[in-house]
């Protein structure tokens, strides 16, 4: 039995959700999402430091969706969305939780999981050093990324990356990640 995408989306988009979508992720959708969130954060009188941090983590999360997702499996119900992804942003007690989910080939899971685990094992200082190293030695991959996104999310949030792989079928899984952006992290870089 394959993972139920709709059930997962319903679960993460319940509660104090300020924005959610599922479907095609393209540059227009990314720009609309960023504009909408910026307006909501200003309207809700969020502190500038938190607004900036949420916006920056959202940019990296959306870029990861855009650059690293696989095309939806042939048997997936939403065949109109060539670049299918999910996003939900929920207000928490003292910040925001940003959920993303996209298809990934099962063969690519070990490499991604090792990268995330390396980030999660690192101290904040080590993450900052890794960030600087990647910036100075960056090579653009075939998918258009330089390997900075996940490192920057960990750096901006000061938290471990929470993630899971939900098996969809023998070839595909869904990579689900969430990042907690808190108001009270004074020791992290904005």
N, C-alpha and C. Protein backbone atom coordinates (compact mmCIF):
# COMPACT_ATOMS: atom_id res chain seq x y z
N UNK A 1 0.84 -1.19 0.00
CA UNK A 1 0.00 0.00 0.00
C UNK A 1 0.88 1.24 0.00
N UNK A 2 0.58 2.18 -0.86
CA UNK A 2 1.40 3.39 -0.96
C UNK A 2 0.98 4.42 0.07
N UNK A 3 1.89 5.32 0.33
CA UNK A 3 1.68 6.42 1.26
C UNK A 3 0.55 7.31 0.75
N UNK A 4 -0.35 7.72 1.62
CA UNK A 4 -1.48 8.57 1.24
C UNK A 4 -1.10 10.04 1.34
N UNK A 5 -0.83 10.64 0.20
CA UNK A 5 -0.38 12.02 0.12
C UNK A 5 -1.44 12.96 0.69
N UNK A 6 -2.69 12.71 0.37
CA UNK A 6 -3.78 13.59 0.82
C UNK A 6 -3.91 13.58 2.35
N UNK A 7 -3.78 12.41 2.96
CA UNK A 7 -3.86 12.34 4.42
C UNK A 7 -2.73 13.12 5.07
N UNK A 8 -1.53 12.99 4.52
CA UNK A 8 -0.39 13.74 5.06
C UNK A 8 -0.63 15.24 4.95
N UNK A 9 -1.07 15.68 3.78
CA UNK A 9 -1.31 17.11 3.57
C UNK A 9 -2.38 17.62 4.53
N UNK A 10 -3.44 16.85 4.72
CA UNK A 10 -4.50 17.25 5.67
C UNK A 10 -3.95 17.39 7.08
N UNK A 11 -3.07 16.47 7.46
CA UNK A 11 -2.52 16.49 8.82
C UNK A 11 -1.63 17.71 9.05
N UNK A 12 -0.76 18.04 8.08
CA UNK A 12 0.16 19.16 8.30
C UNK A 12 -0.50 20.51 8.07
N UNK A 13 -1.61 20.54 7.37
CA UNK A 13 -2.26 21.82 7.12
C UNK A 13 -3.44 22.06 8.05
N UNK A 14 -3.48 21.31 9.15
CA UNK A 14 -4.51 21.57 10.16
C UNK A 14 -3.88 22.39 11.28
N UNK A 15 -4.69 22.98 12.10
CA UNK A 15 -4.16 23.81 13.18
C UNK A 15 -4.12 25.26 12.75
N UNK A 16 -3.13 25.98 13.22
CA UNK A 16 -3.01 27.41 12.94
C UNK A 16 -2.21 27.63 11.65
N UNK A 17 -2.77 27.18 10.53
CA UNK A 17 -2.11 27.27 9.23
C UNK A 17 -2.33 28.65 8.63
N UNK A 18 -1.23 29.29 8.24
CA UNK A 18 -1.38 30.61 7.62
C UNK A 18 -1.28 30.55 6.11
N UNK A 19 -0.74 29.45 5.58
CA UNK A 19 -0.70 29.26 4.13
C UNK A 19 -0.44 27.80 3.84
N UNK A 20 -1.12 27.26 2.84
CA UNK A 20 -0.81 25.91 2.38
C UNK A 20 -1.17 25.79 0.91
N UNK A 21 -0.44 24.97 0.22
CA UNK A 21 -0.80 24.63 -1.14
C UNK A 21 -0.20 23.28 -1.50
N UNK A 22 -0.78 22.68 -2.50
CA UNK A 22 -0.26 21.46 -3.11
C UNK A 22 -0.51 21.59 -4.59
N UNK A 23 0.43 21.13 -5.35
CA UNK A 23 0.29 21.22 -6.80
C UNK A 23 1.59 21.63 -7.45
N UNK A 24 1.47 22.21 -8.62
CA UNK A 24 2.63 22.56 -9.42
C UNK A 24 3.45 23.66 -8.75
N UNK A 25 4.76 23.43 -8.65
CA UNK A 25 5.67 24.42 -8.07
C UNK A 25 6.47 25.02 -9.22
N UNK A 26 6.16 26.27 -9.54
CA UNK A 26 6.89 26.98 -10.58
C UNK A 26 7.28 28.35 -10.06
N UNK A 27 8.00 29.12 -10.87
CA UNK A 27 8.50 30.41 -10.39
C UNK A 27 7.35 31.36 -10.03
N UNK A 28 6.25 31.29 -10.75
CA UNK A 28 5.11 32.15 -10.44
C UNK A 28 4.53 31.80 -9.06
N UNK A 29 4.38 30.51 -8.79
CA UNK A 29 3.85 30.05 -7.50
C UNK A 29 4.79 30.46 -6.36
N UNK A 30 6.08 30.34 -6.59
CA UNK A 30 7.07 30.72 -5.57
C UNK A 30 6.96 32.20 -5.26
N UNK A 31 6.91 33.04 -6.28
CA UNK A 31 6.81 34.49 -6.06
C UNK A 31 5.52 34.86 -5.34
N UNK A 32 4.40 34.25 -5.74
CA UNK A 32 3.12 34.52 -5.08
C UNK A 32 3.18 34.13 -3.60
N UNK A 33 3.77 32.98 -3.33
CA UNK A 33 3.87 32.49 -1.95
C UNK A 33 4.71 33.43 -1.10
N UNK A 34 5.85 33.83 -1.62
CA UNK A 34 6.73 34.74 -0.87
C UNK A 34 6.05 36.08 -0.61
N UNK A 35 5.36 36.61 -1.62
CA UNK A 35 4.64 37.88 -1.43
C UNK A 35 3.55 37.75 -0.38
N UNK A 36 2.79 36.66 -0.45
CA UNK A 36 1.69 36.43 0.49
C UNK A 36 2.20 36.33 1.92
N UNK A 37 3.25 35.55 2.12
CA UNK A 37 3.79 35.37 3.47
C UNK A 37 4.36 36.67 4.01
N UNK A 38 5.07 37.40 3.17
CA UNK A 38 5.62 38.68 3.62
C UNK A 38 4.51 39.62 4.09
N UNK A 39 3.44 39.70 3.30
CA UNK A 39 2.30 40.55 3.67
C UNK A 39 1.66 40.09 4.98
N UNK A 40 1.47 38.77 5.14
CA UNK A 40 0.84 38.25 6.36
C UNK A 40 1.70 38.51 7.59
N UNK A 41 2.99 38.34 7.47
CA UNK A 41 3.87 38.56 8.61
C UNK A 41 3.88 40.03 9.03
N UNK A 42 3.85 40.92 8.06
CA UNK A 42 3.79 42.36 8.36
C UNK A 42 2.45 42.70 8.99
N UNK A 43 1.36 42.19 8.39
CA UNK A 43 0.01 42.46 8.89
C UNK A 43 -0.17 41.94 10.32
N UNK A 44 0.48 40.82 10.63
CA UNK A 44 0.38 40.24 11.97
C UNK A 44 1.37 40.86 12.96
N UNK A 45 2.05 41.91 12.52
CA UNK A 45 3.01 42.64 13.38
C UNK A 45 4.09 41.75 13.98
N UNK A 46 4.57 40.80 13.18
CA UNK A 46 5.67 39.96 13.66
C UNK A 46 6.94 40.80 13.76
N UNK A 47 7.80 40.51 14.72
CA UNK A 47 9.06 41.26 14.84
C UNK A 47 9.90 41.13 13.56
N UNK A 48 10.57 42.19 13.18
CA UNK A 48 11.36 42.16 11.93
C UNK A 48 12.36 41.00 11.86
N UNK A 49 12.99 40.68 12.97
CA UNK A 49 13.97 39.58 12.98
C UNK A 49 13.30 38.24 12.65
N UNK A 50 12.12 37.99 13.22
CA UNK A 50 11.39 36.75 12.93
C UNK A 50 10.89 36.76 11.49
N UNK A 51 10.36 37.89 11.03
CA UNK A 51 9.90 37.99 9.64
C UNK A 51 11.02 37.63 8.68
N UNK A 52 12.18 38.21 8.90
CA UNK A 52 13.33 37.97 8.02
C UNK A 52 13.73 36.50 8.04
N UNK A 53 13.77 35.92 9.22
CA UNK A 53 14.17 34.52 9.35
C UNK A 53 13.16 33.60 8.66
N UNK A 54 11.86 33.82 8.90
CA UNK A 54 10.82 33.00 8.25
C UNK A 54 10.93 33.14 6.73
N UNK A 55 11.06 34.36 6.25
CA UNK A 55 11.14 34.61 4.81
C UNK A 55 12.36 33.88 4.22
N UNK A 56 13.51 34.00 4.86
CA UNK A 56 14.73 33.37 4.34
C UNK A 56 14.62 31.84 4.32
N UNK A 57 14.07 31.26 5.38
CA UNK A 57 13.91 29.81 5.42
C UNK A 57 12.89 29.37 4.38
N UNK A 58 11.85 30.16 4.19
CA UNK A 58 10.85 29.84 3.17
C UNK A 58 11.46 29.89 1.77
N UNK A 59 12.29 30.89 1.49
CA UNK A 59 12.96 30.97 0.19
C UNK A 59 13.76 29.70 -0.06
N UNK A 60 14.58 29.30 0.90
CA UNK A 60 15.39 28.08 0.73
C UNK A 60 14.52 26.84 0.58
N UNK A 61 13.45 26.76 1.34
CA UNK A 61 12.55 25.60 1.26
C UNK A 61 11.89 25.51 -0.11
N UNK A 62 11.43 26.64 -0.63
CA UNK A 62 10.80 26.66 -1.94
C UNK A 62 11.81 26.37 -3.05
N UNK A 63 13.02 26.88 -2.91
CA UNK A 63 14.05 26.58 -3.91
C UNK A 63 14.40 25.10 -3.90
N UNK A 64 14.44 24.50 -2.71
CA UNK A 64 14.67 23.05 -2.65
C UNK A 64 13.55 22.30 -3.35
N UNK A 65 12.31 22.71 -3.12
CA UNK A 65 11.20 22.07 -3.82
C UNK A 65 11.38 22.20 -5.33
N UNK A 66 11.64 23.40 -5.77
CA UNK A 66 11.71 23.68 -7.21
C UNK A 66 12.87 22.94 -7.89
N UNK A 67 14.04 22.97 -7.27
CA UNK A 67 15.22 22.42 -7.93
C UNK A 67 15.41 20.92 -7.75
N UNK A 68 14.88 20.34 -6.69
CA UNK A 68 15.24 18.96 -6.37
C UNK A 68 14.10 17.97 -6.43
N UNK A 69 12.94 18.39 -6.82
CA UNK A 69 11.83 17.44 -6.90
C UNK A 69 11.90 16.62 -8.18
N UNK A 70 11.35 15.45 -8.09
CA UNK A 70 11.19 14.60 -9.27
C UNK A 70 9.78 14.80 -9.81
N UNK A 71 9.63 14.52 -11.08
CA UNK A 71 8.30 14.54 -11.67
C UNK A 71 7.42 13.51 -10.95
N UNK A 72 6.15 13.84 -10.80
CA UNK A 72 5.23 12.93 -10.10
C UNK A 72 5.18 11.58 -10.81
N UNK A 73 5.03 10.49 -10.04
CA UNK A 73 4.94 9.16 -10.65
C UNK A 73 3.77 9.08 -11.63
N UNK A 74 3.87 8.22 -12.63
CA UNK A 74 2.81 8.10 -13.64
C UNK A 74 1.44 7.77 -13.07
N UNK A 75 1.38 7.06 -11.95
CA UNK A 75 0.09 6.69 -11.38
C UNK A 75 -0.43 7.69 -10.35
N UNK A 76 0.27 8.81 -10.17
CA UNK A 76 -0.16 9.81 -9.19
C UNK A 76 -1.39 10.53 -9.72
N UNK A 77 -2.33 10.83 -8.82
CA UNK A 77 -3.63 11.37 -9.23
C UNK A 77 -3.56 12.77 -9.84
N UNK A 78 -2.55 13.55 -9.52
CA UNK A 78 -2.46 14.92 -10.05
C UNK A 78 -1.46 14.96 -11.20
N UNK A 79 -1.90 14.58 -12.38
CA UNK A 79 -1.01 14.55 -13.53
C UNK A 79 -0.91 15.90 -14.24
N UNK A 80 -1.69 16.89 -13.78
CA UNK A 80 -1.58 18.24 -14.36
C UNK A 80 -0.37 18.97 -13.81
N UNK A 81 0.12 18.55 -12.66
CA UNK A 81 1.25 19.21 -12.01
C UNK A 81 2.54 18.47 -12.34
N UNK A 82 3.28 19.00 -13.28
CA UNK A 82 4.54 18.36 -13.66
C UNK A 82 5.54 18.39 -12.51
N UNK A 83 5.53 19.48 -11.74
CA UNK A 83 6.46 19.66 -10.62
C UNK A 83 5.65 19.72 -9.32
N UNK A 84 5.12 18.57 -8.91
CA UNK A 84 4.22 18.51 -7.76
C UNK A 84 4.98 18.64 -6.44
N UNK A 85 4.48 19.53 -5.61
CA UNK A 85 5.03 19.69 -4.28
C UNK A 85 3.95 20.16 -3.33
N UNK A 86 4.26 20.09 -2.04
CA UNK A 86 3.34 20.56 -1.01
C UNK A 86 4.08 21.50 -0.08
N UNK A 87 3.33 22.48 0.42
CA UNK A 87 3.88 23.43 1.39
C UNK A 87 2.79 23.78 2.38
N UNK A 88 3.14 23.82 3.64
CA UNK A 88 2.23 24.32 4.68
C UNK A 88 3.07 25.12 5.66
N UNK A 89 2.53 26.26 6.07
CA UNK A 89 3.19 27.09 7.07
C UNK A 89 2.22 27.28 8.22
N UNK A 90 2.63 26.82 9.40
CA UNK A 90 1.78 26.88 10.58
C UNK A 90 2.41 27.78 11.63
N UNK A 91 1.56 28.56 12.29
CA UNK A 91 2.00 29.36 13.43
C UNK A 91 2.12 28.44 14.63
N UNK A 92 3.21 28.54 15.36
CA UNK A 92 3.39 27.77 16.59
C UNK A 92 3.41 28.77 17.75
N UNK A 93 3.64 28.29 18.93
CA UNK A 93 3.64 29.18 20.09
C UNK A 93 4.55 30.38 19.97
N UNK A 94 5.77 30.17 19.50
CA UNK A 94 6.71 31.28 19.42
C UNK A 94 7.44 31.34 18.07
N UNK A 95 6.76 30.94 17.03
CA UNK A 95 7.38 30.98 15.70
C UNK A 95 6.50 30.34 14.65
N UNK A 96 7.15 29.76 13.66
CA UNK A 96 6.46 29.14 12.53
C UNK A 96 7.13 27.82 12.18
N UNK A 97 6.30 26.88 11.72
CA UNK A 97 6.81 25.60 11.23
C UNK A 97 6.49 25.54 9.73
N UNK A 98 7.53 25.31 8.94
CA UNK A 98 7.40 25.26 7.48
C UNK A 98 7.55 23.80 7.05
N UNK A 99 6.48 23.26 6.46
CA UNK A 99 6.47 21.88 5.96
C UNK A 99 6.61 21.89 4.44
N UNK A 100 7.46 21.02 3.92
CA UNK A 100 7.53 20.81 2.48
C UNK A 100 7.52 19.30 2.21
N UNK A 101 7.06 18.95 1.03
CA UNK A 101 7.01 17.54 0.64
C UNK A 101 7.09 17.47 -0.88
N UNK A 102 7.93 16.57 -1.37
CA UNK A 102 8.06 16.39 -2.81
C UNK A 102 8.50 14.96 -3.12
N UNK A 103 8.30 14.56 -4.36
CA UNK A 103 8.71 13.22 -4.78
C UNK A 103 10.22 13.15 -4.95
N UNK A 104 10.75 11.98 -4.63
CA UNK A 104 12.17 11.70 -4.79
C UNK A 104 12.29 10.25 -5.26
N UNK A 105 13.28 9.98 -6.09
CA UNK A 105 13.54 8.60 -6.49
C UNK A 105 14.11 7.85 -5.29
N UNK A 106 13.64 6.63 -5.07
CA UNK A 106 14.13 5.84 -3.94
C UNK A 106 15.65 5.67 -3.98
N UNK A 107 16.21 5.58 -5.18
CA UNK A 107 17.66 5.42 -5.32
C UNK A 107 18.44 6.62 -4.78
N UNK A 108 17.80 7.79 -4.70
CA UNK A 108 18.48 9.00 -4.24
C UNK A 108 18.36 9.25 -2.73
N UNK A 109 17.59 8.42 -2.05
CA UNK A 109 17.36 8.62 -0.62
C UNK A 109 18.64 8.51 0.21
N UNK A 110 19.47 7.47 0.03
CA UNK A 110 20.65 7.36 0.90
C UNK A 110 21.56 8.59 0.87
N UNK A 111 21.79 9.14 -0.29
CA UNK A 111 22.66 10.32 -0.41
C UNK A 111 22.05 11.52 0.31
N UNK A 112 20.76 11.76 0.12
CA UNK A 112 20.11 12.89 0.78
C UNK A 112 20.06 12.68 2.29
N UNK A 113 19.74 11.46 2.70
CA UNK A 113 19.67 11.18 4.14
C UNK A 113 21.03 11.39 4.81
N UNK A 114 22.10 10.97 4.16
CA UNK A 114 23.44 11.16 4.73
C UNK A 114 23.77 12.65 4.85
N UNK A 115 23.39 13.43 3.85
CA UNK A 115 23.65 14.87 3.90
C UNK A 115 22.91 15.51 5.07
N UNK A 116 21.64 15.16 5.24
CA UNK A 116 20.85 15.72 6.34
C UNK A 116 21.40 15.28 7.69
N UNK A 117 21.77 14.01 7.80
CA UNK A 117 22.31 13.51 9.07
C UNK A 117 23.63 14.19 9.41
N UNK A 118 24.46 14.47 8.40
CA UNK A 118 25.70 15.20 8.63
C UNK A 118 25.40 16.59 9.19
N UNK A 119 24.41 17.26 8.61
CA UNK A 119 24.01 18.58 9.10
C UNK A 119 23.49 18.48 10.53
N UNK A 120 22.64 17.48 10.79
CA UNK A 120 22.04 17.33 12.12
C UNK A 120 23.06 16.96 13.20
N UNK A 121 24.17 16.30 12.82
CA UNK A 121 25.23 15.96 13.78
C UNK A 121 26.12 17.16 14.10
N UNK A 122 26.06 18.19 13.29
CA UNK A 122 26.96 19.33 13.41
C UNK A 122 26.50 20.32 14.46
N UNK A 123 27.47 20.97 15.07
CA UNK A 123 27.16 22.07 15.99
C UNK A 123 26.81 23.30 15.15
N UNK A 124 26.26 24.31 15.81
CA UNK A 124 25.93 25.53 15.08
C UNK A 124 27.18 26.16 14.46
N UNK A 125 28.28 26.11 15.17
CA UNK A 125 29.55 26.64 14.65
C UNK A 125 29.99 25.86 13.42
N UNK A 126 29.90 24.54 13.47
CA UNK A 126 30.28 23.70 12.32
C UNK A 126 29.38 23.97 11.11
N UNK A 127 28.10 24.20 11.37
CA UNK A 127 27.17 24.52 10.27
C UNK A 127 27.56 25.84 9.64
N UNK A 128 27.90 26.84 10.45
CA UNK A 128 28.33 28.14 9.91
C UNK A 128 29.60 28.00 9.09
N UNK A 129 30.54 27.17 9.55
CA UNK A 129 31.78 26.94 8.79
C UNK A 129 31.49 26.20 7.49
N UNK A 130 30.61 25.22 7.53
CA UNK A 130 30.23 24.49 6.32
C UNK A 130 29.56 25.43 5.32
N UNK A 131 28.70 26.29 5.81
CA UNK A 131 28.02 27.29 4.97
C UNK A 131 29.05 28.15 4.24
N UNK A 132 30.03 28.66 4.97
CA UNK A 132 31.07 29.50 4.36
C UNK A 132 31.90 28.71 3.36
N UNK A 133 32.22 27.46 3.70
CA UNK A 133 32.99 26.62 2.78
C UNK A 133 32.24 26.41 1.47
N UNK A 134 30.96 26.07 1.57
CA UNK A 134 30.16 25.83 0.36
C UNK A 134 30.06 27.11 -0.47
N UNK A 135 29.87 28.24 0.19
CA UNK A 135 29.80 29.52 -0.53
C UNK A 135 31.07 29.78 -1.33
N UNK A 136 32.21 29.47 -0.74
CA UNK A 136 33.49 29.75 -1.39
C UNK A 136 33.92 28.69 -2.40
N UNK A 137 33.35 27.49 -2.34
CA UNK A 137 33.77 26.40 -3.21
C UNK A 137 32.60 25.80 -3.99
N UNK A 138 31.56 26.58 -4.15
CA UNK A 138 30.31 26.08 -4.71
C UNK A 138 30.45 25.69 -6.18
N UNK A 139 29.86 24.55 -6.48
CA UNK A 139 29.71 24.11 -7.86
C UNK A 139 28.22 23.87 -8.07
N UNK A 140 27.70 24.38 -9.16
CA UNK A 140 26.28 24.22 -9.44
C UNK A 140 26.03 22.81 -9.97
N UNK A 141 25.06 22.14 -9.38
CA UNK A 141 24.73 20.78 -9.80
C UNK A 141 23.88 20.80 -11.07
N UNK A 142 23.63 19.61 -11.61
CA UNK A 142 22.80 19.48 -12.80
C UNK A 142 21.39 19.99 -12.55
N UNK A 143 20.93 19.95 -11.30
CA UNK A 143 19.58 20.42 -10.97
C UNK A 143 19.56 21.90 -10.63
N UNK A 144 20.70 22.57 -10.70
CA UNK A 144 20.72 24.02 -10.49
C UNK A 144 21.01 24.46 -9.08
N UNK A 145 21.37 23.55 -8.20
CA UNK A 145 21.67 23.92 -6.82
C UNK A 145 23.14 23.79 -6.51
N UNK A 146 23.54 24.40 -5.43
CA UNK A 146 24.94 24.34 -5.02
C UNK A 146 25.14 23.63 -3.71
N UNK A 147 24.09 23.03 -3.15
CA UNK A 147 24.22 22.30 -1.90
C UNK A 147 24.11 23.16 -0.65
N UNK A 148 23.66 24.38 -0.82
CA UNK A 148 23.63 25.31 0.29
C UNK A 148 22.29 25.34 1.03
N UNK A 149 21.22 24.96 0.37
CA UNK A 149 19.87 25.14 0.91
C UNK A 149 19.63 24.52 2.27
N UNK A 150 19.89 23.22 2.42
CA UNK A 150 19.64 22.55 3.70
C UNK A 150 20.54 23.10 4.80
N UNK A 151 21.79 23.39 4.44
CA UNK A 151 22.73 23.96 5.41
C UNK A 151 22.22 25.31 5.88
N UNK A 152 21.74 26.12 4.95
CA UNK A 152 21.25 27.45 5.31
C UNK A 152 19.99 27.38 6.17
N UNK A 153 19.12 26.41 5.89
CA UNK A 153 17.92 26.25 6.72
C UNK A 153 18.33 25.91 8.15
N UNK A 154 19.26 24.98 8.31
CA UNK A 154 19.73 24.63 9.66
C UNK A 154 20.41 25.83 10.32
N UNK A 155 21.16 26.58 9.56
CA UNK A 155 21.86 27.76 10.10
C UNK A 155 20.87 28.83 10.54
N UNK A 156 19.84 29.08 9.73
CA UNK A 156 18.87 30.14 10.03
C UNK A 156 17.93 29.77 11.18
N UNK A 157 17.64 28.48 11.32
CA UNK A 157 16.70 28.07 12.36
C UNK A 157 17.39 27.74 13.68
N UNK A 158 18.64 27.30 13.60
CA UNK A 158 19.32 26.86 14.81
C UNK A 158 18.80 25.53 15.32
N UNK A 159 18.02 24.83 14.50
CA UNK A 159 17.41 23.55 14.88
C UNK A 159 17.84 22.43 13.95
N UNK A 160 17.69 21.20 14.43
CA UNK A 160 17.90 20.04 13.59
C UNK A 160 16.83 20.02 12.50
N UNK A 161 17.18 19.46 11.35
CA UNK A 161 16.21 19.31 10.27
C UNK A 161 15.36 18.07 10.57
N UNK A 162 14.07 18.25 10.61
CA UNK A 162 13.16 17.12 10.81
C UNK A 162 12.69 16.66 9.44
N UNK A 163 12.80 15.35 9.19
CA UNK A 163 12.48 14.85 7.86
C UNK A 163 12.02 13.41 7.94
N UNK A 164 11.39 12.97 6.86
CA UNK A 164 11.04 11.56 6.72
C UNK A 164 10.90 11.26 5.24
N UNK A 165 11.03 9.99 4.91
CA UNK A 165 10.79 9.51 3.56
C UNK A 165 9.60 8.57 3.64
N UNK A 166 8.56 8.88 2.90
CA UNK A 166 7.34 8.08 2.89
C UNK A 166 7.28 7.33 1.56
N UNK A 167 7.38 6.01 1.63
CA UNK A 167 7.41 5.22 0.40
C UNK A 167 6.08 5.34 -0.33
N UNK A 168 6.16 5.73 -1.59
CA UNK A 168 4.97 5.84 -2.43
C UNK A 168 4.78 4.55 -3.24
N UNK A 169 5.86 4.11 -3.89
CA UNK A 169 5.85 2.85 -4.62
C UNK A 169 7.30 2.34 -4.71
N UNK A 170 7.56 1.35 -5.55
CA UNK A 170 8.90 0.77 -5.63
C UNK A 170 9.94 1.74 -6.19
N UNK A 171 9.52 2.75 -6.90
CA UNK A 171 10.45 3.68 -7.53
C UNK A 171 10.51 5.04 -6.83
N UNK A 172 9.41 5.47 -6.23
CA UNK A 172 9.31 6.82 -5.67
C UNK A 172 8.95 6.81 -4.19
N UNK A 173 9.43 7.84 -3.52
CA UNK A 173 9.00 8.15 -2.15
C UNK A 173 8.71 9.63 -2.10
N UNK A 174 8.09 10.04 -1.02
CA UNK A 174 7.94 11.47 -0.77
C UNK A 174 8.93 11.87 0.30
N UNK A 175 9.66 12.93 0.03
CA UNK A 175 10.59 13.50 0.99
C UNK A 175 9.84 14.61 1.70
N UNK A 176 9.62 14.43 2.99
CA UNK A 176 8.87 15.39 3.79
C UNK A 176 9.82 16.01 4.81
N UNK A 177 9.86 17.32 4.84
CA UNK A 177 10.75 18.01 5.77
C UNK A 177 9.98 19.13 6.44
N UNK A 178 10.35 19.42 7.68
CA UNK A 178 9.79 20.61 8.31
C UNK A 178 10.88 21.32 9.09
N UNK A 179 10.76 22.62 9.09
CA UNK A 179 11.73 23.48 9.76
C UNK A 179 10.99 24.38 10.73
N UNK A 180 11.46 24.42 11.96
CA UNK A 180 10.88 25.28 12.98
C UNK A 180 11.69 26.56 13.06
N UNK A 181 11.02 27.68 12.80
CA UNK A 181 11.65 29.00 12.86
C UNK A 181 11.09 29.68 14.09
N UNK A 182 11.94 29.85 15.10
CA UNK A 182 11.46 30.40 16.37
C UNK A 182 11.90 31.84 16.55
N UNK A 183 11.08 32.54 17.29
CA UNK A 183 11.34 33.94 17.61
C UNK A 183 12.49 34.08 18.60
N UNK A 184 12.67 33.09 19.46
CA UNK A 184 13.59 33.23 20.59
C UNK A 184 15.01 32.74 20.34
N UNK A 185 15.37 32.43 19.13
CA UNK A 185 16.74 32.01 18.84
C UNK A 185 17.61 33.23 18.59
N UNK A 186 18.19 33.77 19.61
CA UNK A 186 18.99 35.00 19.51
C UNK A 186 20.41 34.72 19.02
N UNK A 187 20.88 33.48 19.17
CA UNK A 187 22.27 33.18 18.85
C UNK A 187 22.50 32.75 17.41
N UNK A 188 21.47 32.77 16.60
CA UNK A 188 21.66 32.32 15.22
C UNK A 188 21.74 33.49 14.28
N UNK A 189 22.27 33.21 13.10
CA UNK A 189 22.42 34.25 12.08
C UNK A 189 21.10 34.49 11.39
N UNK A 190 20.78 35.75 11.17
CA UNK A 190 19.57 36.06 10.43
C UNK A 190 19.97 36.40 9.06
